[in-house]
Amino acid sequence: MGRVSQKYEERIKKSYSEFRKSGLGKWAAVYYKGIFRNQYSDPKLIYDIFTKNIIGEIKKGSITIVDFGGGDGVLLNIIKQQLSKKNINTRAINLDTNEKSLKLCKNKYPWIESKKHNITKKYKTSFADLALSRFVLQYINKKERPNFFKSMYLTLKKGGLLIILWPGNDYTKEFNRFTSQITGLISKKSPKEMLKSHWYPSFNEAKKNIKNAGFNKIEKVKLKAILFTSASSWKDRFKINKNDFLKIERIYKYFFIRYPYLFKKLNKKIYITSNLFVIKAKK
């Protein structure tokens, strides 16, 4: 993760697992199968994206999972619980550079092996059955992304499975122009700097990186899930003062007028929308 993105992430008020509330207007609100869910901790969403694919692809009674950028471990913990119901034992390893998140993971889920590690660097080779990453890709500097995918590739055994999830939009350039304004404001950096360090890739961009890392059988996981984020929901995640919040509202209004197809208006509120892109691939 680049230094600029790291500074942006340091503004987070809470860890992912503390965003438990669901519903339109809350941070991480995803509309999936008829209701708004929490994208970080909803068991059904996690099962359909990760656990179901693990069960379908890895026919073993005991597996090793490595989460690249797993934060406080909430995803690994839910997957581990779901797999145990299918009589699958899990060795779970969480790699991250954020010491605060790793400490939270150790305290909450001591059965997860929490390791401080730069996820764009090689960890261990050919030992894991599954490498996964969720909501991390957009924080990886473009120049470091080939190393990020190569690191996951090297970690896997032959035939091992990769599952990666990130938010994005089919209108990649317009969407990134919008997000760079918001993230730049939060991190006190220019939008131009943020576009270098905080880029939401298109599906094809990510697919190309994954293929170049050596993966094969690259598939898009079908998922009809839409993420809704309003200007006010940023308050739940970041330490934003009143003046900055007013600036965020103005950014929303400007882009809503210029690129209305990026947004939805519900209950008189404007929401930027994004897809949840999911790719699975084999080594």
Protein backbone atom coordinates (compact mmCIF):
# COMPACT_ATOMS: atom_id res chain seq x y z
CA MET A 1 0.00 0.00 0.00
CA GLY A 2 1.37 3.41 -0.94
CA ARG A 3 2.10 6.10 1.64
CA VAL A 4 -0.68 8.37 0.38
CA SER A 5 -3.29 5.60 0.63
CA GLN A 6 -1.95 4.67 4.06
CA LYS A 7 -2.47 8.25 5.26
CA TYR A 8 -6.02 8.12 3.93
CA GLU A 9 -6.68 4.86 5.77
CA GLU A 10 -5.25 6.27 9.02
CA ARG A 11 -8.23 8.62 9.14
CA ILE A 12 -10.58 5.68 9.68
CA LYS A 13 -12.37 6.01 13.01
CA LYS A 14 -13.26 2.34 13.44
CA SER A 15 -12.13 -1.09 12.33
CA TYR A 16 -14.17 -2.94 9.71
CA SER A 17 -15.82 -5.30 12.18
CA GLU A 18 -17.22 -2.34 14.12
CA PHE A 19 -19.34 -1.28 11.13
CA ARG A 20 -22.08 -3.70 12.15
CA LYS A 21 -25.13 -1.59 11.31
CA SER A 22 -26.83 -2.21 8.00
CA GLY A 23 -29.21 -0.11 5.97
CA LEU A 24 -29.32 2.66 3.42
CA GLY A 25 -27.29 5.65 4.58
CA LYS A 26 -24.93 3.56 6.73
CA TRP A 27 -21.31 3.09 5.73
CA ALA A 28 -20.78 -0.07 3.64
CA ALA A 29 -24.45 -0.41 2.62
CA VAL A 30 -24.78 -2.97 -0.18
CA TYR A 31 -28.08 -3.79 -1.85
CA TYR A 32 -28.05 -7.55 -2.36
CA LYS A 33 -30.92 -10.00 -2.83
CA GLY A 34 -33.63 -7.54 -1.91
CA ILE A 35 -32.19 -5.89 1.22
CA PHE A 36 -29.39 -3.56 2.29
CA ARG A 37 -26.55 -5.48 3.92
CA ASN A 38 -23.24 -4.62 5.53
CA GLN A 39 -20.52 -5.34 2.98
CA TYR A 40 -17.94 -6.14 5.69
CA SER A 41 -19.80 -8.50 7.98
CA ASP A 42 -22.98 -9.83 6.35
CA PRO A 43 -22.75 -13.66 6.52
CA LYS A 44 -24.91 -14.27 3.43
CA LEU A 45 -22.85 -11.92 1.27
CA ILE A 46 -19.59 -13.44 2.52
CA TYR A 47 -20.89 -16.97 1.97
CA ASP A 48 -21.96 -16.29 -1.62
CA ILE A 49 -18.71 -14.52 -2.55
CA PHE A 50 -16.13 -16.59 -0.71
CA THR A 51 -17.28 -19.67 1.20
CA LYS A 52 -19.47 -21.14 -1.54
CA ASN A 53 -16.63 -20.85 -4.05
CA ILE A 54 -14.14 -22.38 -1.61
CA ILE A 55 -16.42 -25.38 -1.02
CA GLY A 56 -17.01 -25.74 -4.76
CA GLU A 57 -13.36 -25.54 -5.79
CA ILE A 58 -11.31 -27.06 -2.94
CA LYS A 59 -12.25 -30.66 -2.19
CA LYS A 60 -10.33 -31.15 1.05
CA GLY A 61 -11.14 -31.60 4.73
CA SER A 62 -8.42 -29.24 5.87
CA ILE A 63 -7.21 -26.08 4.14
CA THR A 64 -4.85 -23.13 4.61
CA ILE A 65 -6.18 -19.64 3.79
CA VAL A 66 -4.10 -16.48 3.51
CA ASP A 67 -5.90 -13.13 3.56
CA PHE A 68 -3.83 -10.37 1.93
CA GLY A 69 -4.69 -7.17 3.78
CA GLY A 70 -7.14 -8.84 6.16
CA GLY A 71 -7.25 -5.97 8.66
CA ASP A 72 -8.87 -7.00 11.94
CA GLY A 73 -9.72 -10.50 10.72
CA VAL A 74 -13.52 -10.28 10.54
CA LEU A 75 -13.66 -11.88 7.08
CA LEU A 76 -11.40 -14.81 7.97
CA ASN A 77 -13.36 -15.43 11.15
CA ILE A 78 -16.72 -15.63 9.35
CA ILE A 79 -15.32 -17.87 6.59
CA LYS A 80 -13.73 -20.15 9.18
CA GLN A 81 -17.06 -20.49 11.03
CA GLN A 82 -18.94 -21.24 7.81
CA LEU A 83 -16.42 -23.84 6.67
CA SER A 84 -16.47 -25.57 10.06
CA LYS A 85 -20.19 -26.24 9.53
CA LYS A 86 -19.15 -28.18 6.40
CA ASN A 87 -16.57 -30.14 8.43
CA ILE A 88 -13.66 -28.29 6.84
CA ASN A 89 -10.82 -27.38 9.19
CA THR A 90 -9.13 -24.06 8.47
CA ARG A 91 -5.71 -22.66 9.18
CA ALA A 92 -6.21 -18.92 8.75
CA ILE A 93 -3.38 -16.42 8.19
CA ASN A 94 -3.89 -12.66 8.11
CA LEU A 95 -1.21 -10.52 6.43
CA ASP A 96 -1.32 -6.76 6.98
CA THR A 97 0.97 -3.81 7.67
CA ASN A 98 -1.38 -2.01 10.07
CA GLU A 99 -0.28 -2.85 13.62
CA LYS A 100 -3.52 -1.57 15.16
CA SER A 101 -5.61 -3.87 12.98
CA LEU A 102 -3.35 -6.84 13.63
CA LYS A 103 -3.59 -6.26 17.38
CA LEU A 104 -7.39 -6.19 17.14
CA CYS A 105 -7.30 -9.44 15.18
CA LYS A 106 -5.09 -11.15 17.75
CA ASN A 107 -7.32 -10.05 20.62
CA LYS A 108 -10.64 -10.92 18.97
CA TYR A 109 -9.66 -14.03 17.03
CA PRO A 110 -6.56 -15.65 18.58
CA TRP A 111 -7.02 -18.68 16.31
CA ILE A 112 -6.06 -16.51 13.32
CA GLU A 113 -2.31 -16.20 12.70
CA SER A 114 -1.73 -12.44 12.38
CA LYS A 115 1.47 -11.45 10.58
CA LYS A 116 2.87 -8.00 9.84
CA HIS A 117 3.87 -8.16 6.20
CA ASN A 118 4.02 -5.95 3.11
CA ILE A 119 1.53 -7.71 0.83
CA THR A 120 3.31 -6.57 -2.33
CA LYS A 121 6.35 -8.63 -1.22
CA LYS A 122 6.77 -12.40 -1.31
CA TYR A 123 5.61 -14.11 1.90
CA LYS A 124 6.06 -17.89 1.72
CA THR A 125 5.87 -20.05 -1.36
CA SER A 126 3.60 -22.90 -2.42
CA PHE A 127 1.92 -23.65 0.91
CA ALA A 128 -1.62 -22.20 0.82
CA ASP A 129 -4.79 -23.65 -0.70
CA LEU A 130 -6.51 -20.26 -0.94
CA ALA A 131 -5.37 -16.65 -1.29
CA LEU A 132 -8.02 -13.99 -0.86
CA SER A 133 -8.22 -10.23 -0.73
CA ARG A 134 -11.18 -7.96 -0.08
CA PHE A 135 -11.41 -4.16 -0.53
CA VAL A 136 -7.62 -3.83 -0.78
CA LEU A 137 -6.84 -3.68 -4.51
CA GLN A 138 -7.84 -0.02 -4.89
CA TYR A 139 -5.29 0.96 -2.23
CA ILE A 140 -2.37 -0.70 -4.00
CA ASN A 141 -0.27 1.69 -6.06
CA LYS A 142 -0.64 0.90 -9.77
CA LYS A 143 3.09 0.21 -10.09
CA GLU A 144 2.95 -2.27 -7.20
CA ARG A 145 -0.08 -4.23 -8.40
CA PRO A 146 1.90 -6.74 -10.48
CA ASN A 147 3.94 -7.52 -7.33
CA PHE A 148 0.76 -7.80 -5.26
CA PHE A 149 -0.73 -10.45 -7.56
CA LYS A 150 2.60 -12.23 -7.93
CA SER A 151 2.89 -12.44 -4.15
CA MET A 152 -0.50 -14.19 -3.98
CA TYR A 153 0.42 -16.48 -6.87
CA LEU A 154 3.66 -17.58 -5.20
CA THR A 155 1.91 -18.25 -1.89
CA LEU A 156 -0.44 -20.80 -3.44
CA LYS A 157 0.15 -24.48 -4.01
CA LYS A 158 -0.28 -25.74 -7.56
CA GLY A 159 -4.03 -25.77 -8.21
CA GLY A 160 -4.61 -23.27 -5.41
CA LEU A 161 -7.50 -20.81 -5.59
CA LEU A 162 -7.49 -17.00 -5.68
CA ILE A 163 -10.61 -14.97 -4.80
CA ILE A 164 -10.39 -11.19 -4.93
CA LEU A 165 -13.10 -8.59 -4.33
CA TRP A 166 -13.01 -4.84 -4.86
CA PRO A 167 -15.51 -2.02 -5.47
CA GLY A 168 -15.61 -0.34 -8.85
CA ASN A 169 -17.73 1.05 -11.63
CA ASP A 170 -18.09 0.34 -15.33
CA TYR A 171 -17.42 4.05 -15.92
CA THR A 172 -13.90 3.74 -14.51
CA LYS A 173 -12.45 7.15 -15.38
CA GLU A 174 -15.44 9.17 -14.21
CA PHE A 175 -15.76 7.10 -11.03
CA ASN A 176 -12.09 7.58 -10.16
CA ARG A 177 -12.29 11.32 -10.81
CA PHE A 178 -15.06 11.48 -8.24
CA THR A 179 -13.36 9.31 -5.60
CA SER A 180 -10.04 11.17 -5.98
CA GLN A 181 -11.80 14.39 -4.98
CA ILE A 182 -13.18 12.80 -1.79
CA THR A 183 -10.07 10.83 -0.80
CA GLY A 184 -7.86 13.82 -1.61
CA LEU A 185 -9.91 16.00 0.71
CA ILE A 186 -9.70 13.43 3.51
CA SER A 187 -5.95 12.82 3.16
CA LYS A 188 -5.09 16.48 2.44
CA LYS A 189 -3.59 15.52 -0.90
CA SER A 190 -4.38 16.65 -4.43
CA PRO A 191 -6.80 14.56 -6.54
CA LYS A 192 -3.91 14.00 -8.97
CA GLU A 193 -1.82 12.38 -6.24
CA MET A 194 -4.76 10.22 -5.17
CA LEU A 195 -5.31 8.97 -8.72
CA LYS A 196 -1.79 7.52 -8.60
CA SER A 197 -2.21 5.76 -5.26
CA HIS A 198 -5.94 5.13 -4.92
CA TRP A 199 -7.32 3.84 -8.22
CA TYR A 200 -10.40 1.62 -8.55
CA PRO A 201 -9.56 -0.65 -11.50
CA SER A 202 -12.00 -1.93 -14.07
CA PHE A 203 -12.70 -5.64 -14.23
CA ASN A 204 -10.50 -6.00 -17.33
CA GLU A 205 -7.62 -4.09 -15.73
CA ALA A 206 -7.57 -6.47 -12.78
CA LYS A 207 -8.03 -9.53 -14.99
CA LYS A 208 -4.97 -8.53 -17.03
CA ASN A 209 -2.85 -8.16 -13.87
CA ILE A 210 -4.01 -11.55 -12.61
CA LYS A 211 -3.21 -13.24 -15.93
CA ASN A 212 0.23 -11.64 -16.08
CA ALA A 213 0.98 -12.97 -12.59
CA GLY A 214 0.60 -16.52 -13.95
CA PHE A 215 -2.95 -17.43 -12.96
CA ASN A 216 -5.26 -19.38 -15.27
CA LYS A 217 -8.96 -20.29 -15.35
CA ILE A 218 -9.78 -16.66 -14.54
CA GLU A 219 -13.52 -16.21 -14.00
CA LYS A 220 -15.83 -13.38 -13.07
CA VAL A 221 -18.07 -14.38 -10.18
CA LYS A 222 -21.61 -13.23 -10.97
CA LEU A 223 -22.82 -10.96 -8.18
CA LYS A 224 -25.71 -8.52 -8.43
CA ALA A 225 -24.70 -6.28 -5.54
CA ILE A 226 -24.63 -2.48 -5.55
CA LEU A 227 -22.80 -0.36 -2.98
CA PHE A 228 -24.52 2.91 -2.01
CA THR A 229 -22.51 5.72 -0.37
CA SER A 230 -23.93 9.13 0.53
CA ALA A 231 -22.01 12.25 1.54
CA SER A 232 -23.22 11.91 5.13
CA SER A 233 -22.12 8.26 5.43
CA TRP A 234 -18.47 9.37 5.24
CA LYS A 235 -18.98 10.82 8.73
CA ASP A 236 -19.36 7.30 10.10
CA ARG A 237 -15.92 6.33 8.92
CA PHE A 238 -13.69 9.39 9.03
CA LYS A 239 -12.91 12.27 11.37
CA ILE A 240 -14.48 14.91 9.13
CA ASN A 241 -15.10 18.45 10.36
CA LYS A 242 -18.12 20.50 9.34
CA ASN A 243 -16.22 22.51 6.72
CA ASP A 244 -14.85 19.40 5.00
CA PHE A 245 -18.27 17.77 5.09
CA LEU A 246 -19.78 20.75 3.27
CA LYS A 247 -17.04 20.39 0.65
CA ILE A 248 -17.93 16.71 0.22
CA GLU A 249 -21.58 17.64 -0.27
CA ARG A 250 -20.56 20.12 -2.98
CA ILE A 251 -18.46 17.43 -4.71
CA TYR A 252 -21.47 15.12 -4.73
CA LYS A 253 -23.74 17.78 -6.23
CA TYR A 254 -21.20 18.76 -8.90
CA PHE A 255 -20.56 15.20 -10.07
CA PHE A 256 -24.25 14.29 -9.86
CA ILE A 257 -24.99 17.05 -12.37
CA ARG A 258 -22.04 16.17 -14.60
CA TYR A 259 -22.19 12.34 -14.42
CA PRO A 260 -25.74 11.43 -13.31
CA TYR A 261 -25.28 7.80 -14.41
CA LEU A 262 -22.84 7.25 -11.51
CA PHE A 263 -25.50 8.03 -8.92
CA LYS A 264 -28.87 7.07 -7.52
CA LYS A 265 -31.24 9.46 -5.76
CA LEU A 266 -33.25 7.84 -2.97
CA ASN A 267 -35.30 9.57 -0.27
CA LYS A 268 -34.02 12.94 -1.56
CA LYS A 269 -30.40 11.88 -0.93
CA ILE A 270 -27.69 11.42 -3.56
CA TYR A 271 -25.70 8.16 -3.47
CA ILE A 272 -22.62 7.29 -5.48
CA THR A 273 -23.03 3.68 -6.60
CA SER A 274 -20.44 1.04 -7.32
CA ASN A 275 -20.37 -2.64 -8.18
CA LEU A 276 -18.68 -5.35 -6.21
CA PHE A 277 -16.30 -7.01 -8.68
CA VAL A 278 -15.21 -10.56 -7.85
CA ILE A 279 -12.65 -12.69 -9.67
CA LYS A 280 -11.61 -16.25 -8.94
CA ALA A 281 -8.61 -17.91 -10.58
CA LYS A 282 -6.41 -20.96 -10.27
CA LYS A 283 -2.65 -21.38 -10.06
